[in-house]
Amino acid sequence: MLAREGEFAQALCTLCALVCDACARQCSTHDFEPCQICAGACIACTLACRDMVEA
């Protein structure tokens, strides 16, 4: 969708950023190592999605 500059590409990236941010916030509240790893991955995804929206 992004490569073809689809009609909903920006909306999809915005939604992805929101979902990943919510996941990061939830997972970061748990001390369990896999949750912390997940939180880090979600933060990276949030930032990447936001960069796509701004591009």
PDB file of N, CA and C in Angstrom:
ATOM      1  N   MET A   1       0.823  -1.179   0.000  1.00  0.00           N
ATOM      2  CA  MET A   1       0.000   0.000   0.000  1.00  0.00           C
ATOM      3  C   MET A   1       0.874   1.251   0.000  1.00  0.00           C
ATOM      4  N   LEU A   2       1.938   1.220   0.765  1.00  0.00           N
ATOM      5  CA  LEU A   2       2.811   2.396   0.827  1.00  0.00           C
ATOM      6  C   LEU A   2       3.555   2.607  -0.480  1.00  0.00           C
ATOM      7  N   ALA A   3       4.060   1.526  -1.048  1.00  0.00           N
ATOM      8  CA  ALA A   3       4.828   1.636  -2.281  1.00  0.00           C
ATOM      9  C   ALA A   3       3.969   2.166  -3.428  1.00  0.00           C
ATOM     10  N   ARG A   4       2.699   1.856  -3.388  1.00  0.00           N
ATOM     11  CA  ARG A   4       1.791   2.309  -4.446  1.00  0.00           C
ATOM     12  C   ARG A   4       1.050   3.582  -4.084  1.00  0.00           C
ATOM     13  N   GLU A   5       1.424   4.161  -2.952  1.00  0.00           N
ATOM     14  CA  GLU A   5       0.797   5.384  -2.471  1.00  0.00           C
ATOM     15  C   GLU A   5      -0.721   5.253  -2.465  1.00  0.00           C
ATOM     16  N   GLY A   6      -1.166   4.151  -1.845  1.00  0.00           N
ATOM     17  CA  GLY A   6      -2.592   3.866  -1.760  1.00  0.00           C
ATOM     18  C   GLY A   6      -3.356   4.934  -1.001  1.00  0.00           C
ATOM     19  N   GLU A   7      -4.624   5.000  -1.284  1.00  0.00           N
ATOM     20  CA  GLU A   7      -5.496   6.021  -0.715  1.00  0.00           C
ATOM     21  C   GLU A   7      -5.486   6.027   0.817  1.00  0.00           C
ATOM     22  N   PHE A   8      -5.332   4.861   1.421  1.00  0.00           N
ATOM     23  CA  PHE A   8      -5.410   4.750   2.877  1.00  0.00           C
ATOM     24  C   PHE A   8      -4.055   4.537   3.541  1.00  0.00           C
ATOM     25  N   ALA A   9      -2.980   4.729   2.809  1.00  0.00           N
ATOM     26  CA  ALA A   9      -1.644   4.474   3.353  1.00  0.00           C
ATOM     27  C   ALA A   9      -1.352   5.322   4.582  1.00  0.00           C
ATOM     28  N   GLN A  10      -1.659   6.597   4.522  1.00  0.00           N
ATOM     29  CA  GLN A  10      -1.371   7.477   5.649  1.00  0.00           C
ATOM     30  C   GLN A  10      -2.247   7.117   6.849  1.00  0.00           C
ATOM     31  N   ALA A  11      -3.508   6.807   6.599  1.00  0.00           N
ATOM     32  CA  ALA A  11      -4.407   6.421   7.690  1.00  0.00           C
ATOM     33  C   ALA A  11      -3.940   5.117   8.327  1.00  0.00           C
ATOM     34  N   LEU A  12      -3.472   4.178   7.521  1.00  0.00           N
ATOM     35  CA  LEU A  12      -2.988   2.905   8.043  1.00  0.00           C
ATOM     36  C   LEU A  12      -1.754   3.112   8.911  1.00  0.00           C
ATOM     37  N   CYS A  13      -0.842   3.959   8.484  1.00  0.00           N
ATOM     38  CA  CYS A  13       0.353   4.241   9.285  1.00  0.00           C
ATOM     39  C   CYS A  13      -0.012   4.945  10.584  1.00  0.00           C
ATOM     40  N   THR A  14      -0.979   5.829  10.535  1.00  0.00           N
ATOM     41  CA  THR A  14      -1.436   6.507  11.747  1.00  0.00           C
ATOM     42  C   THR A  14      -2.036   5.511  12.721  1.00  0.00           C
ATOM     43  N   LEU A  15      -2.882   4.631  12.230  1.00  0.00           N
ATOM     44  CA  LEU A  15      -3.489   3.607  13.076  1.00  0.00           C
ATOM     45  C   LEU A  15      -2.424   2.674  13.649  1.00  0.00           C
ATOM     46  N   CYS A  16      -1.487   2.274  12.831  1.00  0.00           N
ATOM     47  CA  CYS A  16      -0.409   1.391  13.286  1.00  0.00           C
ATOM     48  C   CYS A  16       0.374   2.061  14.419  1.00  0.00           C
ATOM     49  N   ALA A  17       0.664   3.338  14.283  1.00  0.00           N
ATOM     50  CA  ALA A  17       1.388   4.060  15.333  1.00  0.00           C
ATOM     51  C   ALA A  17       0.589   4.079  16.634  1.00  0.00           C
ATOM     52  N   LEU A  18      -0.711   4.290  16.531  1.00  0.00           N
ATOM     53  CA  LEU A  18      -1.560   4.305  17.726  1.00  0.00           C
ATOM     54  C   LEU A  18      -1.602   2.940  18.412  1.00  0.00           C
ATOM     55  N   VAL A  19      -1.743   1.891  17.622  1.00  0.00           N
ATOM     56  CA  VAL A  19      -1.817   0.534  18.173  1.00  0.00           C
ATOM     57  C   VAL A  19      -0.480   0.143  18.810  1.00  0.00           C
ATOM     58  N   CYS A  20       0.611   0.423  18.119  1.00  0.00           N
ATOM     59  CA  CYS A  20       1.921   0.068  18.655  1.00  0.00           C
ATOM     60  C   CYS A  20       2.240   0.865  19.915  1.00  0.00           C
ATOM     61  N   ASP A  21       1.833   2.110  19.950  1.00  0.00           N
ATOM     62  CA  ASP A  21       2.048   2.923  21.145  1.00  0.00           C
ATOM     63  C   ASP A  21       1.261   2.368  22.326  1.00  0.00           C
ATOM     64  N   ALA A  22       0.019   1.974  22.090  1.00  0.00           N
ATOM     65  CA  ALA A  22      -0.798   1.392  23.164  1.00  0.00           C
ATOM     66  C   ALA A  22      -0.181   0.087  23.663  1.00  0.00           C
ATOM     67  N   CYS A  23       0.304  -0.729  22.752  1.00  0.00           N
ATOM     68  CA  CYS A  23       0.949  -1.992  23.128  1.00  0.00           C
ATOM     69  C   CYS A  23       2.208  -1.716  23.953  1.00  0.00           C
ATOM     70  N   ALA A  24       3.008  -0.755  23.529  1.00  0.00           N
ATOM     71  CA  ALA A  24       4.239  -0.411  24.261  1.00  0.00           C
ATOM     72  C   ALA A  24       3.927   0.044  25.674  1.00  0.00           C
ATOM     73  N   ARG A  25       2.910   0.884  25.807  1.00  0.00           N
ATOM     74  CA  ARG A  25       2.541   1.366  27.140  1.00  0.00           C
ATOM     75  C   ARG A  25       2.085   0.220  28.037  1.00  0.00           C
ATOM     76  N   GLN A  26       1.297  -0.686  27.491  1.00  0.00           N
ATOM     77  CA  GLN A  26       0.797  -1.814  28.284  1.00  0.00           C
ATOM     78  C   GLN A  26       1.940  -2.764  28.659  1.00  0.00           C
ATOM     79  N   CYS A  27       2.739  -3.140  27.687  1.00  0.00           N
ATOM     80  CA  CYS A  27       3.814  -4.104  27.953  1.00  0.00           C
ATOM     81  C   CYS A  27       4.877  -3.540  28.889  1.00  0.00           C
ATOM     82  N   SER A  28       5.102  -2.234  28.825  1.00  0.00           N
ATOM     83  CA  SER A  28       6.142  -1.635  29.673  1.00  0.00           C
ATOM     84  C   SER A  28       5.769  -1.666  31.154  1.00  0.00           C
ATOM     85  N   THR A  29       4.514  -1.933  31.466  1.00  0.00           N
ATOM     86  CA  THR A  29       4.099  -1.991  32.867  1.00  0.00           C
ATOM     87  C   THR A  29       4.427  -3.326  33.520  1.00  0.00           C
ATOM     88  N   HIS A  30       4.854  -4.298  32.734  1.00  0.00           N
ATOM     89  CA  HIS A  30       5.168  -5.630  33.249  1.00  0.00           C
ATOM     90  C   HIS A  30       6.678  -5.819  33.341  1.00  0.00           C
ATOM     91  N   ASP A  31       7.140  -6.412  34.429  1.00  0.00           N
ATOM     92  CA  ASP A  31       8.572  -6.650  34.617  1.00  0.00           C
ATOM     93  C   ASP A  31       9.089  -7.858  33.863  1.00  0.00           C
ATOM     94  N   PHE A  32       8.203  -8.701  33.371  1.00  0.00           N
ATOM     95  CA  PHE A  32       8.573  -9.920  32.650  1.00  0.00           C
ATOM     96  C   PHE A  32       9.382  -9.544  31.408  1.00  0.00           C
ATOM     97  N   GLU A  33      10.578 -10.145  31.263  1.00  0.00           N
ATOM     98  CA  GLU A  33      11.497  -9.752  30.191  1.00  0.00           C
ATOM     99  C   GLU A  33      10.871  -9.761  28.794  1.00  0.00           C
ATOM    100  N   PRO A  34      10.111 -10.801  28.414  1.00  0.00           N
ATOM    101  CA  PRO A  34       9.502 -10.759  27.073  1.00  0.00           C
ATOM    102  C   PRO A  34       8.578  -9.552  26.877  1.00  0.00           C
ATOM    103  N   CYS A  35       7.922  -9.114  27.938  1.00  0.00           N
ATOM    104  CA  CYS A  35       7.067  -7.932  27.838  1.00  0.00           C
ATOM    105  C   CYS A  35       7.906  -6.680  27.598  1.00  0.00           C
ATOM    106  N   GLN A  36       9.058  -6.598  28.252  1.00  0.00           N
ATOM    107  CA  GLN A  36       9.942  -5.460  28.048  1.00  0.00           C
ATOM    108  C   GLN A  36      10.515  -5.446  26.629  1.00  0.00           C
ATOM    109  N   ILE A  37      10.827  -6.621  26.110  1.00  0.00           N
ATOM    110  CA  ILE A  37      11.314  -6.735  24.732  1.00  0.00           C
ATOM    111  C   ILE A  37      10.216  -6.296  23.764  1.00  0.00           C
ATOM    112  N   CYS A  38       9.002  -6.744  24.027  1.00  0.00           N
ATOM    113  CA  CYS A  38       7.861  -6.360  23.206  1.00  0.00           C
ATOM    114  C   CYS A  38       7.657  -4.853  23.236  1.00  0.00           C
ATOM    115  N   ALA A  39       7.745  -4.262  24.412  1.00  0.00           N
ATOM    116  CA  ALA A  39       7.575  -2.814  24.547  1.00  0.00           C
ATOM    117  C   ALA A  39       8.604  -2.067  23.703  1.00  0.00           C
ATOM    118  N   GLY A  40       9.837  -2.539  23.728  1.00  0.00           N
ATOM    119  CA  GLY A  40      10.881  -1.904  22.927  1.00  0.00           C
ATOM    120  C   GLY A  40      10.606  -2.008  21.438  1.00  0.00           C
ATOM    121  N   ALA A  41      10.154  -3.172  21.007  1.00  0.00           N
ATOM    122  CA  ALA A  41       9.829  -3.368  19.588  1.00  0.00           C
ATOM    123  C   ALA A  41       8.647  -2.490  19.188  1.00  0.00           C
ATOM    124  N   CYS A  42       7.685  -2.364  20.065  1.00  0.00           N
ATOM    125  CA  CYS A  42       6.512  -1.538  19.765  1.00  0.00           C
ATOM    126  C   CYS A  42       6.869  -0.059  19.689  1.00  0.00           C
ATOM    127  N   ILE A  43       7.773   0.381  20.545  1.00  0.00           N
ATOM    128  CA  ILE A  43       8.218   1.770  20.477  1.00  0.00           C
ATOM    129  C   ILE A  43       8.910   2.035  19.144  1.00  0.00           C
ATOM    130  N   ALA A  44       9.753   1.110  18.725  1.00  0.00           N
ATOM    131  CA  ALA A  44      10.428   1.259  17.431  1.00  0.00           C
ATOM    132  C   ALA A  44       9.416   1.302  16.293  1.00  0.00           C
ATOM    133  N   CYS A  45       8.404   0.458  16.372  1.00  0.00           N
ATOM    134  CA  CYS A  45       7.363   0.434  15.348  1.00  0.00           C
ATOM    135  C   CYS A  45       6.574   1.742  15.352  1.00  0.00           C
ATOM    136  N   THR A  46       6.255   2.253  16.525  1.00  0.00           N
ATOM    137  CA  THR A  46       5.540   3.528  16.627  1.00  0.00           C
ATOM    138  C   THR A  46       6.313   4.637  15.932  1.00  0.00           C
ATOM    139  N   LEU A  47       7.597   4.697  16.203  1.00  0.00           N
ATOM    140  CA  LEU A  47       8.426   5.740  15.613  1.00  0.00           C
ATOM    141  C   LEU A  47       8.516   5.580  14.097  1.00  0.00           C
ATOM    142  N   ALA A  48       8.650   4.356  13.628  1.00  0.00           N
ATOM    143  CA  ALA A  48       8.717   4.106  12.182  1.00  0.00           C
ATOM    144  C   ALA A  48       7.414   4.494  11.498  1.00  0.00           C
ATOM    145  N   CYS A  49       6.294   4.151  12.117  1.00  0.00           N
ATOM    146  CA  CYS A  49       5.004   4.500  11.541  1.00  0.00           C
ATOM    147  C   CYS A  49       4.797   6.012  11.510  1.00  0.00           C
ATOM    148  N   ARG A  50       5.198   6.672  12.567  1.00  0.00           N
ATOM    149  CA  ARG A  50       5.072   8.143  12.601  1.00  0.00           C
ATOM    150  C   ARG A  50       5.950   8.784  11.526  1.00  0.00           C
ATOM    151  N   ASP A  51       7.151   8.212  11.310  1.00  0.00           N
ATOM    152  CA  ASP A  51       8.018   8.723  10.256  1.00  0.00           C
ATOM    153  C   ASP A  51       7.349   8.574   8.887  1.00  0.00           C
ATOM    154  N   MET A  52       6.646   7.475   8.680  1.00  0.00           N
ATOM    155  CA  MET A  52       5.967   7.254   7.403  1.00  0.00           C
ATOM    156  C   MET A  52       4.848   8.277   7.204  1.00  0.00           C
ATOM    157  N   VAL A  53       4.148   8.602   8.270  1.00  0.00           N
ATOM    158  CA  VAL A  53       3.056   9.585   8.174  1.00  0.00           C
ATOM    159  C   VAL A  53       3.621  10.953   7.813  1.00  0.00           C
ATOM    160  N   GLU A  54       4.771  11.270   8.386  1.00  0.00           N
ATOM    161  CA  GLU A  54       5.376  12.587   8.161  1.00  0.00           C
ATOM    162  C   GLU A  54       6.101  12.688   6.819  1.00  0.00           C
ATOM    163  N   ALA A  55       6.377  11.558   6.201  1.00  0.00           N
ATOM    164  CA  ALA A  55       7.127  11.561   4.934  1.00  0.00           C
ATOM    165  C   ALA A  55       6.310  12.087   3.773  1.00  0.00           C
TER     166      ALA A  55
END
